[in-house]
Structures are given as C-alpha cells and as structure tokens.
Amino acid sequence: MDINQAAAAVERFVATFADADQRTAREVRVRPSGDDADHIKVWVDLGPGVDDAGCDAWAAACKGAAAAAAGAFTVEVRAESL
C-alpha cells in the first residue's frame, strides 16, 4: 500500500469514527504530509461546543484507532471545534 492508498483508507475510517462520547467529525481532511514522507495528516472539525480538552481527547482516540488503517504510515490528528 502506498501513502495515497493509506490516506484514502484513513479518510474512510475517520469519516465514521466516534469517540467514547459518540462525537463524530462534521468535516474531515486527510492528506499525505508534505514534510514527512511517511506521515498522514488528519484535520477534523467536531462542530461547535467542544472544548480544547475534548478536541485533544478525540484526536488522541482517533489517532490510536486509525493506526490499523494507516498500515506502515504514521497518522497525525488535529481536531478543532468550529
């Protein structure tokens, strides 16, 4: 699997991922990193009303769960509440 295939798999996974509080992403962007050849960067909008701690917890849970979809690539996740 190349990085583009892995990024597509991660995107499919993240689009349906829900954390322990059943929060899902309203918007998802997944791209191969331009800086690191073996990293996939994920950005999500969790919607309004999620504090920084909630965003960080969601990102950490998603990162751990998305590792299987990423194969040999490293996943970086950033979650925001917009």
PDB file of N, CA and C in Angstrom:
ATOM      1  N   MET A   1       0.857  -1.167   0.000  1.00  0.00           N
ATOM      2  CA  MET A   1       0.000   0.000   0.000  1.00  0.00           C
ATOM      3  C   MET A   1       0.910   1.238   0.000  1.00  0.00           C
ATOM      4  N   ASP A   2       0.638   2.163  -0.943  1.00  0.00           N
ATOM      5  CA  ASP A   2       1.401   3.405  -0.949  1.00  0.00           C
ATOM      6  C   ASP A   2       0.707   4.441  -0.059  1.00  0.00           C
ATOM      7  N   ILE A   3       1.338   5.608   0.113  1.00  0.00           N
ATOM      8  CA  ILE A   3       0.808   6.602   1.051  1.00  0.00           C
ATOM      9  C   ILE A   3      -0.557   7.143   0.616  1.00  0.00           C
ATOM     10  N   ASN A   4      -0.797   7.238  -0.681  1.00  0.00           N
ATOM     11  CA  ASN A   4      -2.093   7.724  -1.142  1.00  0.00           C
ATOM     12  C   ASN A   4      -3.207   6.722  -0.840  1.00  0.00           C
ATOM     13  N   GLN A   5      -2.924   5.454  -1.003  1.00  0.00           N
ATOM     14  CA  GLN A   5      -3.893   4.420  -0.654  1.00  0.00           C
ATOM     15  C   GLN A   5      -4.140   4.411   0.850  1.00  0.00           C
ATOM     16  N   ALA A   6      -3.071   4.575   1.622  1.00  0.00           N
ATOM     17  CA  ALA A   6      -3.209   4.612   3.079  1.00  0.00           C
ATOM     18  C   ALA A   6      -4.011   5.830   3.511  1.00  0.00           C
ATOM     19  N   ALA A   7      -3.769   6.989   2.898  1.00  0.00           N
ATOM     20  CA  ALA A   7      -4.523   8.196   3.233  1.00  0.00           C
ATOM     21  C   ALA A   7      -6.006   8.015   2.924  1.00  0.00           C
ATOM     22  N   ALA A   8      -6.328   7.370   1.818  1.00  0.00           N
ATOM     23  CA  ALA A   8      -7.729   7.103   1.474  1.00  0.00           C
ATOM     24  C   ALA A   8      -8.370   6.171   2.502  1.00  0.00           C
ATOM     25  N   ALA A   9      -7.631   5.158   2.941  1.00  0.00           N
ATOM     26  CA  ALA A   9      -8.153   4.234   3.956  1.00  0.00           C
ATOM     27  C   ALA A   9      -8.376   4.953   5.282  1.00  0.00           C
ATOM     28  N   VAL A  10      -7.432   5.812   5.658  1.00  0.00           N
ATOM     29  CA  VAL A  10      -7.570   6.585   6.891  1.00  0.00           C
ATOM     30  C   VAL A  10      -8.770   7.520   6.791  1.00  0.00           C
ATOM     31  N   GLU A  11      -8.955   8.160   5.646  1.00  0.00           N
ATOM     32  CA  GLU A  11     -10.091   9.061   5.474  1.00  0.00           C
ATOM     33  C   GLU A  11     -11.417   8.323   5.623  1.00  0.00           C
ATOM     34  N   ARG A  12     -11.526   7.153   5.032  1.00  0.00           N
ATOM     35  CA  ARG A  12     -12.758   6.353   5.177  1.00  0.00           C
ATOM     36  C   ARG A  12     -12.996   6.009   6.648  1.00  0.00           C
ATOM     37  N   PHE A  13     -11.926   5.651   7.352  1.00  0.00           N
ATOM     38  CA  PHE A  13     -12.054   5.303   8.760  1.00  0.00           C
ATOM     39  C   PHE A  13     -12.484   6.510   9.593  1.00  0.00           C
ATOM     40  N   VAL A  14     -11.781   7.632   9.433  1.00  0.00           N
ATOM     41  CA  VAL A  14     -12.047   8.821  10.248  1.00  0.00           C
ATOM     42  C   VAL A  14     -13.464   9.348  10.006  1.00  0.00           C
ATOM     43  N   ALA A  15     -13.961   9.226   8.790  1.00  0.00           N
ATOM     44  CA  ALA A  15     -15.304   9.725   8.460  1.00  0.00           C
ATOM     45  C   ALA A  15     -16.391   9.038   9.286  1.00  0.00           C
ATOM     46  N   THR A  16     -16.111   7.844   9.797  1.00  0.00           N
ATOM     47  CA  THR A  16     -17.114   7.116  10.578  1.00  0.00           C
ATOM     48  C   THR A  16     -16.719   6.936  12.044  1.00  0.00           C
ATOM     49  N   PHE A  17     -15.554   7.437  12.430  1.00  0.00           N
ATOM     50  CA  PHE A  17     -15.049   7.248  13.792  1.00  0.00           C
ATOM     51  C   PHE A  17     -15.860   8.061  14.800  1.00  0.00           C
ATOM     52  N   ALA A  18     -16.207   7.444  15.908  1.00  0.00           N
ATOM     53  CA  ALA A  18     -16.851   8.123  17.037  1.00  0.00           C
ATOM     54  C   ALA A  18     -16.049   7.803  18.295  1.00  0.00           C
ATOM     55  N   ASP A  19     -15.835   8.831  19.122  1.00  0.00           N
ATOM     56  CA  ASP A  19     -15.085   8.613  20.358  1.00  0.00           C
ATOM     57  C   ASP A  19     -16.011   8.038  21.432  1.00  0.00           C
ATOM     58  N   ALA A  20     -15.522   7.927  22.652  1.00  0.00           N
ATOM     59  CA  ALA A  20     -16.303   7.348  23.756  1.00  0.00           C
ATOM     60  C   ALA A  20     -17.571   8.147  24.053  1.00  0.00           C
ATOM     61  N   ASP A  21     -17.567   9.451  23.717  1.00  0.00           N
ATOM     62  CA  ASP A  21     -18.747  10.296  23.915  1.00  0.00           C
ATOM     63  C   ASP A  21     -19.641  10.328  22.683  1.00  0.00           C
ATOM     64  N   GLN A  22     -19.354   9.459  21.714  1.00  0.00           N
ATOM     65  CA  GLN A  22     -20.110   9.343  20.462  1.00  0.00           C
ATOM     66  C   GLN A  22     -20.028  10.588  19.582  1.00  0.00           C
ATOM     67  N   ARG A  23     -18.955  11.364  19.746  1.00  0.00           N
ATOM     68  CA  ARG A  23     -18.734  12.521  18.864  1.00  0.00           C
ATOM     69  C   ARG A  23     -18.119  12.035  17.567  1.00  0.00           C
ATOM     70  N   THR A  24     -18.629  12.547  16.472  1.00  0.00           N
ATOM     71  CA  THR A  24     -18.080  12.263  15.149  1.00  0.00           C
ATOM     72  C   THR A  24     -17.676  13.576  14.492  1.00  0.00           C
ATOM     73  N   ALA A  25     -16.842  13.493  13.486  1.00  0.00           N
ATOM     74  CA  ALA A  25     -16.379  14.688  12.795  1.00  0.00           C
ATOM     75  C   ALA A  25     -17.444  15.200  11.834  1.00  0.00           C
ATOM     76  N   ARG A  26     -17.606  16.518  11.816  1.00  0.00           N
ATOM     77  CA  ARG A  26     -18.516  17.143  10.852  1.00  0.00           C
ATOM     78  C   ARG A  26     -17.820  17.356   9.518  1.00  0.00           C
ATOM     79  N   GLU A  27     -16.522  17.582   9.568  1.00  0.00           N
ATOM     80  CA  GLU A  27     -15.721  17.779   8.360  1.00  0.00           C
ATOM     81  C   GLU A  27     -14.388  17.078   8.564  1.00  0.00           C
ATOM     82  N   VAL A  28     -13.898  16.426   7.522  1.00  0.00           N
ATOM     83  CA  VAL A  28     -12.651  15.658   7.605  1.00  0.00           C
ATOM     84  C   VAL A  28     -11.764  16.000   6.407  1.00  0.00           C
ATOM     85  N   ARG A  29     -10.492  16.233   6.686  1.00  0.00           N
ATOM     86  CA  ARG A  29      -9.492  16.398   5.619  1.00  0.00           C
ATOM     87  C   ARG A  29      -8.301  15.508   5.949  1.00  0.00           C
ATOM     88  N   VAL A  30      -7.925  14.692   4.995  1.00  0.00           N
ATOM     89  CA  VAL A  30      -6.801  13.768   5.183  1.00  0.00           C
ATOM     90  C   VAL A  30      -5.867  13.916   3.992  1.00  0.00           C
ATOM     91  N   ARG A  31      -4.599  14.138   4.278  1.00  0.00           N
ATOM     92  CA  ARG A  31      -3.610  14.338   3.219  1.00  0.00           C
ATOM     93  C   ARG A  31      -2.272  13.711   3.617  1.00  0.00           C
ATOM     94  N   PRO A  32      -1.528  13.215   2.638  1.00  0.00           N
ATOM     95  CA  PRO A  32      -0.140  12.840   2.923  1.00  0.00           C
ATOM     96  C   PRO A  32       0.613  14.105   3.319  1.00  0.00           C
ATOM     97  N   SER A  33       1.495  13.995   4.273  1.00  0.00           N
ATOM     98  CA  SER A  33       2.271  15.147   4.724  1.00  0.00           C
ATOM     99  C   SER A  33       3.232  15.603   3.637  1.00  0.00           C
ATOM    100  N   GLY A  34       3.368  16.903   3.501  1.00  0.00           N
ATOM    101  CA  GLY A  34       4.358  17.433   2.579  1.00  0.00           C
ATOM    102  C   GLY A  34       5.740  17.489   3.200  1.00  0.00           C
ATOM    103  N   ASP A  35       5.806  17.346   4.521  1.00  0.00           N
ATOM    104  CA  ASP A  35       7.069  17.450   5.248  1.00  0.00           C
ATOM    105  C   ASP A  35       7.713  16.097   5.528  1.00  0.00           C
ATOM    106  N   ASP A  36       6.907  15.107   5.834  1.00  0.00           N
ATOM    107  CA  ASP A  36       7.411  13.786   6.207  1.00  0.00           C
ATOM    108  C   ASP A  36       6.820  12.746   5.268  1.00  0.00           C
ATOM    109  N   ALA A  37       7.669  12.027   4.574  1.00  0.00           N
ATOM    110  CA  ALA A  37       7.228  11.079   3.556  1.00  0.00           C
ATOM    111  C   ALA A  37       6.421   9.907   4.100  1.00  0.00           C
ATOM    112  N   ASP A  38       6.494   9.669   5.413  1.00  0.00           N
ATOM    113  CA  ASP A  38       5.768   8.522   5.978  1.00  0.00           C
ATOM    114  C   ASP A  38       4.662   8.943   6.944  1.00  0.00           C
ATOM    115  N   HIS A  39       4.218  10.200   6.851  1.00  0.00           N
ATOM    116  CA  HIS A  39       3.165  10.699   7.743  1.00  0.00           C
ATOM    117  C   HIS A  39       1.909  11.072   6.965  1.00  0.00           C
ATOM    118  N   ILE A  40       0.770  10.795   7.567  1.00  0.00           N
ATOM    119  CA  ILE A  40      -0.529  11.191   7.036  1.00  0.00           C
ATOM    120  C   ILE A  40      -1.127  12.162   8.037  1.00  0.00           C
ATOM    121  N   LYS A  41      -1.540  13.325   7.552  1.00  0.00           N
ATOM    122  CA  LYS A  41      -2.090  14.348   8.436  1.00  0.00           C
ATOM    123  C   LYS A  41      -3.611  14.393   8.298  1.00  0.00           C
ATOM    124  N   VAL A  42      -4.266  14.410   9.457  1.00  0.00           N
ATOM    125  CA  VAL A  42      -5.730  14.420   9.523  1.00  0.00           C
ATOM    126  C   VAL A  42      -6.162  15.680  10.257  1.00  0.00           C
ATOM    127  N   TRP A  43      -7.128  16.387   9.687  1.00  0.00           N
ATOM    128  CA  TRP A  43      -7.749  17.532  10.351  1.00  0.00           C
ATOM    129  C   TRP A  43      -9.244  17.274  10.373  1.00  0.00           C
ATOM    130  N   VAL A  44      -9.869  17.514  11.539  1.00  0.00           N
ATOM    131  CA  VAL A  44     -11.313  17.354  11.640  1.00  0.00           C
ATOM    132  C   VAL A  44     -11.934  18.533  12.378  1.00  0.00           C
ATOM    133  N   ASP A  45     -13.165  18.834  12.008  1.00  0.00           N
ATOM    134  CA  ASP A  45     -13.991  19.803  12.718  1.00  0.00           C
ATOM    135  C   ASP A  45     -15.051  18.997  13.465  1.00  0.00           C
ATOM    136  N   LEU A  46     -15.071  19.141  14.787  1.00  0.00           N
ATOM    137  CA  LEU A  46     -16.043  18.415  15.605  1.00  0.00           C
ATOM    138  C   LEU A  46     -17.348  19.199  15.790  1.00  0.00           C
ATOM    139  N   GLY A  47     -17.414  20.383  15.218  1.00  0.00           N
ATOM    140  CA  GLY A  47     -18.609  21.198  15.376  1.00  0.00           C
ATOM    141  C   GLY A  47     -18.503  22.072  16.605  1.00  0.00           C
ATOM    142  N   PRO A  48     -19.471  22.943  16.792  1.00  0.00           N
ATOM    143  CA  PRO A  48     -19.403  23.901  17.898  1.00  0.00           C
ATOM    144  C   PRO A  48     -19.588  23.240  19.267  1.00  0.00           C
ATOM    145  N   GLY A  49     -19.023  23.899  20.278  1.00  0.00           N
ATOM    146  CA  GLY A  49     -19.273  23.498  21.654  1.00  0.00           C
ATOM    147  C   GLY A  49     -18.344  22.460  22.235  1.00  0.00           C
ATOM    148  N   VAL A  50     -17.277  22.092  21.540  1.00  0.00           N
ATOM    149  CA  VAL A  50     -16.331  21.111  22.078  1.00  0.00           C
ATOM    150  C   VAL A  50     -15.110  21.882  22.572  1.00  0.00           C
ATOM    151  N   ASP A  51     -14.774  21.718  23.850  1.00  0.00           N
ATOM    152  CA  ASP A  51     -13.639  22.455  24.410  1.00  0.00           C
ATOM    153  C   ASP A  51     -12.311  21.842  23.944  1.00  0.00           C
ATOM    154  N   ASP A  52     -11.215  22.535  24.267  1.00  0.00           N
ATOM    155  CA  ASP A  52      -9.892  22.078  23.827  1.00  0.00           C
ATOM    156  C   ASP A  52      -9.563  20.687  24.347  1.00  0.00           C
ATOM    157  N   ALA A  53      -9.922  20.406  25.589  1.00  0.00           N
ATOM    158  CA  ALA A  53      -9.646  19.086  26.155  1.00  0.00           C
ATOM    159  C   ALA A  53     -10.415  18.003  25.392  1.00  0.00           C
ATOM    160  N   GLY A  54     -11.657  18.300  25.040  1.00  0.00           N
ATOM    161  CA  GLY A  54     -12.459  17.352  24.270  1.00  0.00           C
ATOM    162  C   GLY A  54     -11.879  17.116  22.886  1.00  0.00           C
ATOM    163  N   CYS A  55     -11.404  18.182  22.245  1.00  0.00           N
ATOM    164  CA  CYS A  55     -10.767  18.056  20.928  1.00  0.00           C
ATOM    165  C   CYS A  55      -9.502  17.217  21.020  1.00  0.00           C
ATOM    166  N   ASP A  56      -8.688  17.478  22.039  1.00  0.00           N
ATOM    167  CA  ASP A  56      -7.450  16.722  22.221  1.00  0.00           C
ATOM    168  C   ASP A  56      -7.730  15.253  22.490  1.00  0.00           C
ATOM    169  N   ALA A  57      -8.744  14.977  23.306  1.00  0.00           N
ATOM    170  CA  ALA A  57      -9.093  13.590  23.618  1.00  0.00           C
ATOM    171  C   ALA A  57      -9.600  12.863  22.370  1.00  0.00           C
ATOM    172  N   TRP A  58     -10.421  13.548  21.575  1.00  0.00           N
ATOM    173  CA  TRP A  58     -10.943  12.950  20.345  1.00  0.00           C
ATOM    174  C   TRP A  58      -9.786  12.634  19.400  1.00  0.00           C
ATOM    175  N   ALA A  59      -8.867  13.593  19.244  1.00  0.00           N
ATOM    176  CA  ALA A  59      -7.729  13.401  18.347  1.00  0.00           C
ATOM    177  C   ALA A  59      -6.867  12.225  18.789  1.00  0.00           C
ATOM    178  N   ALA A  60      -6.617  12.112  20.077  1.00  0.00           N
ATOM    179  CA  ALA A  60      -5.798  11.014  20.588  1.00  0.00           C
ATOM    180  C   ALA A  60      -6.475   9.666  20.363  1.00  0.00           C
ATOM    181  N   ALA A  61      -7.770   9.602  20.626  1.00  0.00           N
ATOM    182  CA  ALA A  61      -8.508   8.350  20.419  1.00  0.00           C
ATOM    183  C   ALA A  61      -8.534   7.972  18.945  1.00  0.00           C
ATOM    184  N   CYS A  62      -8.749   8.949  18.095  1.00  0.00           N
ATOM    185  CA  CYS A  62      -8.796   8.694  16.660  1.00  0.00           C
ATOM    186  C   CYS A  62      -7.435   8.246  16.144  1.00  0.00           C
ATOM    187  N   LYS A  63      -6.391   8.906  16.591  1.00  0.00           N
ATOM    188  CA  LYS A  63      -5.036   8.548  16.153  1.00  0.00           C
ATOM    189  C   LYS A  63      -4.730   7.091  16.474  1.00  0.00           C
ATOM    190  N   GLY A  64      -5.056   6.684  17.692  1.00  0.00           N
ATOM    191  CA  GLY A  64      -4.804   5.303  18.081  1.00  0.00           C
ATOM    192  C   GLY A  64      -5.617   4.308  17.268  1.00  0.00           C
ATOM    193  N   ALA A  65      -6.865   4.644  17.028  1.00  0.00           N
ATOM    194  CA  ALA A  65      -7.741   3.734  16.290  1.00  0.00           C
ATOM    195  C   ALA A  65      -7.418   3.703  14.797  1.00  0.00           C
ATOM    196  N   ALA A  66      -6.928   4.807  14.250  1.00  0.00           N
ATOM    197  CA  ALA A  66      -6.656   4.895  12.814  1.00  0.00           C
ATOM    198  C   ALA A  66      -5.345   4.233  12.417  1.00  0.00           C
ATOM    199  N   ALA A  67      -4.527   3.878  13.378  1.00  0.00           N
ATOM    200  CA  ALA A  67      -3.224   3.297  13.074  1.00  0.00           C
ATOM    201  C   ALA A  67      -3.339   2.038  12.216  1.00  0.00           C
ATOM    202  N   ALA A  68      -4.334   1.229  12.458  1.00  0.00           N
ATOM    203  CA  ALA A  68      -4.500  -0.004  11.681  1.00  0.00           C
ATOM    204  C   ALA A  68      -4.804   0.301  10.219  1.00  0.00           C
ATOM    205  N   ALA A  69      -5.603   1.338   9.978  1.00  0.00           N
ATOM    206  CA  ALA A  69      -5.941   1.714   8.608  1.00  0.00           C
ATOM    207  C   ALA A  69      -4.744   2.305   7.874  1.00  0.00           C
ATOM    208  N   ALA A  70      -3.807   2.887   8.612  1.00  0.00           N
ATOM    209  CA  ALA A  70      -2.667   3.571   8.006  1.00  0.00           C
ATOM    210  C   ALA A  70      -1.540   2.632   7.598  1.00  0.00           C
ATOM    211  N   GLY A  71      -1.595   1.398   8.049  1.00  0.00           N
ATOM    212  CA  GLY A  71      -0.521   0.467   7.716  1.00  0.00           C
ATOM    213  C   GLY A  71       0.791   0.913   8.325  1.00  0.00           C
ATOM    214  N   ALA A  72       1.821   1.038   7.505  1.00  0.00           N
ATOM    215  CA  ALA A  72       3.158   1.395   7.982  1.00  0.00           C
ATOM    216  C   ALA A  72       3.354   2.894   8.166  1.00  0.00           C
ATOM    217  N   PHE A  73       2.330   3.689   7.859  1.00  0.00           N
ATOM    218  CA  PHE A  73       2.453   5.140   7.931  1.00  0.00           C
ATOM    219  C   PHE A  73       2.011   5.671   9.294  1.00  0.00           C
ATOM    220  N   THR A  74       2.579   6.802   9.683  1.00  0.00           N
ATOM    221  CA  THR A  74       2.246   7.452  10.946  1.00  0.00           C
ATOM    222  C   THR A  74       1.107   8.428  10.719  1.00  0.00           C
ATOM    223  N   VAL A  75       0.127   8.413  11.616  1.00  0.00           N
ATOM    224  CA  VAL A  75      -1.028   9.308  11.498  1.00  0.00           C
ATOM    225  C   VAL A  75      -0.900  10.419  12.530  1.00  0.00           C
ATOM    226  N   GLU A  76      -1.095  11.650  12.084  1.00  0.00           N
ATOM    227  CA  GLU A  76      -1.156  12.810  12.968  1.00  0.00           C
ATOM    228  C   GLU A  76      -2.576  13.362  12.858  1.00  0.00           C
ATOM    229  N   VAL A  77      -3.231  13.585  14.006  1.00  0.00           N
ATOM    230  CA  VAL A  77      -4.624  14.043  14.001  1.00  0.00           C
ATOM    231  C   VAL A  77      -4.740  15.347  14.759  1.00  0.00           C
ATOM    232  N   ARG A  78      -5.423  16.312  14.154  1.00  0.00           N
ATOM    233  CA  ARG A  78      -5.739  17.570  14.817  1.00  0.00           C
ATOM    234  C   ARG A  78      -7.249  17.763  14.746  1.00  0.00           C
ATOM    235  N   ALA A  79      -7.869  17.961  15.896  1.00  0.00           N
ATOM    236  CA  ALA A  79      -9.312  18.170  15.958  1.00  0.00           C
ATOM    237  C   ALA A  79      -9.574  19.587  16.466  1.00  0.00           C
ATOM    238  N   GLU A  80     -10.547  20.239  15.849  1.00  0.00           N
ATOM    239  CA  GLU A  80     -10.954  21.579  16.255  1.00  0.00           C
ATOM    240  C   GLU A  80     -12.459  21.637  16.393  1.00  0.00           C
ATOM    241  N   SER A  81     -12.914  22.625  17.117  1.00  0.00           N
ATOM    242  CA  SER A  81     -14.350  22.854  17.289  1.00  0.00           C
ATOM    243  C   SER A  81     -14.679  24.200  16.654  1.00  0.00           C
ATOM    244  N   LEU A  82     -15.291  24.147  15.490  1.00  0.00           N
ATOM    245  CA  LEU A  82     -15.616  25.383  14.764  1.00  0.00           C
ATOM    246  C   LEU A  82     -17.111  25.606  14.674  1.00  0.00           C
TER     247      LEU A  82
END
